[in-house]
């Protein structure tokens, strides 16, 4: 691509058009992506993965949106030197497990007859104690 096609943007032959954009503009795009799309976007190239990984404001927003984990724990980890992305990764799985556990305990999956009937994201690694709570809730129904 030449500068004639897109004035002001000179593209290196090894870079995509997106990679030649200023990081601030890429950040603006990233703000509109959900987590699944962020994951796909970050896998498109090493340089874009780096931009996503280092975009602390984005990861802070996602950390603070986690509702099933202690916000004080999140802030404590960040104050102890974890990046916002590291903090998010640490608590995201825990949050998803808590959501799945609560769905099971509430009876959302009580009438499932086979694995194929389970909704997407209904299984997460849970402890024996968690499964015991789920079984107790099922027995009480």
C-alpha atoms as a PDB file:
ATOM      1  CA  UNK A   1       0.000   0.000   0.000  1.00  0.00           C
ATOM      2  CA  UNK A   2       1.315   3.408  -0.793  1.00  0.00           C
ATOM      3  CA  UNK A   3       0.797   6.704   0.955  1.00  0.00           C
ATOM      4  CA  UNK A   4      -1.240   7.757  -2.094  1.00  0.00           C
ATOM      5  CA  UNK A   5      -3.949   5.179  -1.264  1.00  0.00           C
ATOM      6  CA  UNK A   6      -4.176   6.289   2.392  1.00  0.00           C
ATOM      7  CA  UNK A   7      -2.557   9.704   2.902  1.00  0.00           C
ATOM      8  CA  UNK A   8      -0.664  10.047   6.149  1.00  0.00           C
ATOM      9  CA  UNK A   9      -0.336   6.300   6.716  1.00  0.00           C
ATOM     10  CA  UNK A  10       2.812   4.686   5.424  1.00  0.00           C
ATOM     11  CA  UNK A  11       2.656   0.929   5.701  1.00  0.00           C
ATOM     12  CA  UNK A  12       5.638  -1.315   6.086  1.00  0.00           C
ATOM     13  CA  UNK A  13       5.265  -4.362   3.820  1.00  0.00           C
ATOM     14  CA  UNK A  14       5.421  -6.623   6.896  1.00  0.00           C
ATOM     15  CA  UNK A  15       2.645  -4.797   8.786  1.00  0.00           C
ATOM     16  CA  UNK A  16      -1.081  -4.950   8.280  1.00  0.00           C
ATOM     17  CA  UNK A  17      -3.051  -1.771   7.765  1.00  0.00           C
ATOM     18  CA  UNK A  18      -4.327  -2.079  11.334  1.00  0.00           C
ATOM     19  CA  UNK A  19      -0.827  -2.400  12.756  1.00  0.00           C
ATOM     20  CA  UNK A  20       0.189   0.830  11.062  1.00  0.00           C
ATOM     21  CA  UNK A  21      -2.499   2.779  12.950  1.00  0.00           C
ATOM     22  CA  UNK A  22      -1.556   4.790  16.045  1.00  0.00           C
ATOM     23  CA  UNK A  23      -2.030   2.812  19.310  1.00  0.00           C
ATOM     24  CA  UNK A  24      -4.508   5.423  20.569  1.00  0.00           C
ATOM     25  CA  UNK A  25      -6.807   4.691  17.636  1.00  0.00           C
ATOM     26  CA  UNK A  26      -6.460   0.937  18.183  1.00  0.00           C
ATOM     27  CA  UNK A  27      -7.287   1.497  21.875  1.00  0.00           C
ATOM     28  CA  UNK A  28     -10.473   3.255  20.826  1.00  0.00           C
ATOM     29  CA  UNK A  29     -11.473   0.213  18.752  1.00  0.00           C
ATOM     30  CA  UNK A  30     -10.566  -2.186  21.582  1.00  0.00           C
ATOM     31  CA  UNK A  31     -12.889  -0.350  23.966  1.00  0.00           C
ATOM     32  CA  UNK A  32     -15.846  -1.627  21.929  1.00  0.00           C
ATOM     33  CA  UNK A  33     -14.824  -5.295  21.817  1.00  0.00           C
ATOM     34  CA  UNK A  34     -16.159  -7.927  24.176  1.00  0.00           C
ATOM     35  CA  UNK A  35     -13.794 -10.437  25.779  1.00  0.00           C
ATOM     36  CA  UNK A  36     -14.231 -13.079  23.089  1.00  0.00           C
ATOM     37  CA  UNK A  37     -13.478 -10.560  20.337  1.00  0.00           C
ATOM     38  CA  UNK A  38     -10.484  -9.219  22.293  1.00  0.00           C
ATOM     39  CA  UNK A  39      -9.079 -12.714  22.459  1.00  0.00           C
ATOM     40  CA  UNK A  40      -9.474 -13.198  18.703  1.00  0.00           C
ATOM     41  CA  UNK A  41      -8.071  -9.726  17.971  1.00  0.00           C
ATOM     42  CA  UNK A  42      -4.994 -10.321  20.120  1.00  0.00           C
ATOM     43  CA  UNK A  43      -4.206 -13.515  18.216  1.00  0.00           C
ATOM     44  CA  UNK A  44      -3.973 -11.771  14.851  1.00  0.00           C
ATOM     45  CA  UNK A  45      -0.354 -10.687  15.299  1.00  0.00           C
ATOM     46  CA  UNK A  46       2.359 -10.328  17.910  1.00  0.00           C
ATOM     47  CA  UNK A  47       2.344  -6.544  17.698  1.00  0.00           C
ATOM     48  CA  UNK A  48      -1.442  -6.313  18.147  1.00  0.00           C
ATOM     49  CA  UNK A  49      -1.233  -8.818  21.003  1.00  0.00           C
ATOM     50  CA  UNK A  50       1.311  -6.512  22.615  1.00  0.00           C
ATOM     51  CA  UNK A  51      -0.994  -3.518  22.243  1.00  0.00           C
ATOM     52  CA  UNK A  52      -3.902  -5.439  23.809  1.00  0.00           C
ATOM     53  CA  UNK A  53      -1.738  -6.804  26.632  1.00  0.00           C
ATOM     54  CA  UNK A  54      -0.317  -3.406  27.554  1.00  0.00           C
ATOM     55  CA  UNK A  55      -3.621  -1.504  27.393  1.00  0.00           C
ATOM     56  CA  UNK A  56      -4.037  -1.164  31.153  1.00  0.00           C
ATOM     57  CA  UNK A  57      -7.175   1.016  31.009  1.00  0.00           C
ATOM     58  CA  UNK A  58      -9.011  -1.734  29.140  1.00  0.00           C
ATOM     59  CA  UNK A  59      -8.043  -4.444  31.643  1.00  0.00           C
ATOM     60  CA  UNK A  60      -8.855  -2.175  34.588  1.00  0.00           C
ATOM     61  CA  UNK A  61     -12.360  -1.695  33.174  1.00  0.00           C
ATOM     62  CA  UNK A  62     -12.817  -5.460  32.823  1.00  0.00           C
ATOM     63  CA  UNK A  63     -11.430  -6.125  36.323  1.00  0.00           C
ATOM     64  CA  UNK A  64     -13.780  -3.663  37.934  1.00  0.00           C
ATOM     65  CA  UNK A  65     -16.724  -5.174  36.029  1.00  0.00           C
ATOM     66  CA  UNK A  66     -16.227  -8.570  37.698  1.00  0.00           C
ATOM     67  CA  UNK A  67     -19.114  -8.904  40.112  1.00  0.00           C
ATOM     68  CA  UNK A  68     -18.452 -12.294  41.690  1.00  0.00           C
ATOM     69  CA  UNK A  69     -15.091 -11.467  43.234  1.00  0.00           C
ATOM     70  CA  UNK A  70     -13.970  -9.100  45.949  1.00  0.00           C
ATOM     71  CA  UNK A  71     -13.098  -5.673  44.573  1.00  0.00           C
ATOM     72  CA  UNK A  72     -10.752  -5.163  47.535  1.00  0.00           C
ATOM     73  CA  UNK A  73      -8.814  -8.297  46.481  1.00  0.00           C
ATOM     74  CA  UNK A  74      -8.575  -6.943  42.945  1.00  0.00           C
ATOM     75  CA  UNK A  75      -7.230  -3.582  44.152  1.00  0.00           C
ATOM     76  CA  UNK A  76      -4.855  -5.295  46.592  1.00  0.00           C
ATOM     77  CA  UNK A  77      -3.335  -7.434  43.820  1.00  0.00           C
ATOM     78  CA  UNK A  78      -2.935  -4.400  41.588  1.00  0.00           C
ATOM     79  CA  UNK A  79      -1.264  -2.459  44.404  1.00  0.00           C
ATOM     80  CA  UNK A  80       1.068  -5.434  44.933  1.00  0.00           C
ATOM     81  CA  UNK A  81       2.427  -5.072  41.410  1.00  0.00           C
ATOM     82  CA  UNK A  82       0.139  -7.203  39.256  1.00  0.00           C
ATOM     83  CA  UNK A  83      -0.790  -5.600  35.956  1.00  0.00           C
ATOM     84  CA  UNK A  84      -4.488  -5.095  35.357  1.00  0.00           C
ATOM     85  CA  UNK A  85      -4.400  -7.873  32.766  1.00  0.00           C
ATOM     86  CA  UNK A  86      -2.741 -10.294  35.203  1.00  0.00           C
ATOM     87  CA  UNK A  87      -5.301  -9.355  37.844  1.00  0.00           C
ATOM     88  CA  UNK A  88      -8.147  -9.867  35.390  1.00  0.00           C
ATOM     89  CA  UNK A  89      -6.868 -13.269  34.314  1.00  0.00           C
ATOM     90  CA  UNK A  90      -6.520 -14.329  37.949  1.00  0.00           C
ATOM     91  CA  UNK A  91     -10.079 -13.435  38.910  1.00  0.00           C
ATOM     92  CA  UNK A  92     -11.972 -13.986  35.658  1.00  0.00           C
ATOM     93  CA  UNK A  93     -11.908 -17.778  35.893  1.00  0.00           C
ATOM     94  CA  UNK A  94     -12.860 -17.597  39.557  1.00  0.00           C
ATOM     95  CA  UNK A  95     -15.782 -15.340  38.652  1.00  0.00           C
ATOM     96  CA  UNK A  96     -16.980 -17.694  35.911  1.00  0.00           C
ATOM     97  CA  UNK A  97     -16.727 -20.690  38.260  1.00  0.00           C
ATOM     98  CA  UNK A  98     -18.794 -18.819  40.865  1.00  0.00           C
ATOM     99  CA  UNK A  99     -21.450 -18.002  38.268  1.00  0.00           C
ATOM    100  CA  UNK A 100     -21.620 -21.624  37.111  1.00  0.00           C
ATOM    101  CA  UNK A 101     -21.766 -22.883  40.692  1.00  0.00           C
ATOM    102  CA  UNK A 102     -24.645 -20.520  41.522  1.00  0.00           C
ATOM    103  CA  UNK A 103     -26.518 -21.529  38.358  1.00  0.00           C
ATOM    104  CA  UNK A 104     -26.209 -25.189  39.305  1.00  0.00           C
ATOM    105  CA  UNK A 105     -27.268 -24.482  42.900  1.00  0.00           C
ATOM    106  CA  UNK A 106     -30.283 -22.472  41.776  1.00  0.00           C
ATOM    107  CA  UNK A 107     -31.568 -25.441  39.778  1.00  0.00           C
ATOM    108  CA  UNK A 108     -30.952 -23.978  36.331  1.00  0.00           C
ATOM    109  CA  UNK A 109     -29.596 -27.351  35.184  1.00  0.00           C
ATOM    110  CA  UNK A 110     -31.867 -29.621  37.276  1.00  0.00           C
ATOM    111  CA  UNK A 111     -33.779 -31.127  34.373  1.00  0.00           C
ATOM    112  CA  UNK A 112     -30.908 -31.760  32.002  1.00  0.00           C
ATOM    113  CA  UNK A 113     -31.164 -35.282  30.592  1.00  0.00           C
ATOM    114  CA  UNK A 114     -27.844 -35.482  28.734  1.00  0.00           C
ATOM    115  CA  UNK A 115     -24.593 -33.616  28.240  1.00  0.00           C
ATOM    116  CA  UNK A 116     -25.778 -32.360  24.849  1.00  0.00           C
ATOM    117  CA  UNK A 117     -28.560 -30.404  26.589  1.00  0.00           C
ATOM    118  CA  UNK A 118     -26.134 -28.407  28.729  1.00  0.00           C
ATOM    119  CA  UNK A 119     -25.872 -24.771  27.682  1.00  0.00           C
ATOM    120  CA  UNK A 120     -22.497 -23.431  26.610  1.00  0.00           C
ATOM    121  CA  UNK A 121     -20.259 -22.398  29.526  1.00  0.00           C
ATOM    122  CA  UNK A 122     -22.205 -24.489  32.054  1.00  0.00           C
ATOM    123  CA  UNK A 123     -19.161 -26.529  33.041  1.00  0.00           C
ATOM    124  CA  UNK A 124     -16.122 -25.236  34.891  1.00  0.00           C
ATOM    125  CA  UNK A 125     -13.701 -26.951  37.230  1.00  0.00           C
ATOM    126  CA  UNK A 126     -15.342 -26.957  40.642  1.00  0.00           C
ATOM    127  CA  UNK A 127     -14.069 -28.395  43.896  1.00  0.00           C
ATOM    128  CA  UNK A 128     -15.564 -31.453  45.577  1.00  0.00           C
ATOM    129  CA  UNK A 129     -16.967 -29.077  48.196  1.00  0.00           C
ATOM    130  CA  UNK A 130     -18.713 -27.035  45.480  1.00  0.00           C
ATOM    131  CA  UNK A 131     -20.214 -30.178  43.933  1.00  0.00           C
ATOM    132  CA  UNK A 132     -21.337 -31.237  47.430  1.00  0.00           C
ATOM    133  CA  UNK A 133     -23.208 -27.933  47.815  1.00  0.00           C
ATOM    134  CA  UNK A 134     -24.784 -28.442  44.393  1.00  0.00           C
ATOM    135  CA  UNK A 135     -25.852 -31.992  45.289  1.00  0.00           C
ATOM    136  CA  UNK A 136     -27.339 -30.788  48.589  1.00  0.00           C
ATOM    137  CA  UNK A 137     -29.319 -28.121  46.733  1.00  0.00           C
ATOM    138  CA  UNK A 138     -30.580 -30.741  44.248  1.00  0.00           C
ATOM    139  CA  UNK A 139     -31.626 -33.089  47.046  1.00  0.00           C
ATOM    140  CA  UNK A 140     -33.582 -30.267  48.718  1.00  0.00           C
ATOM    141  CA  UNK A 141     -35.642 -29.648  45.557  1.00  0.00           C
END
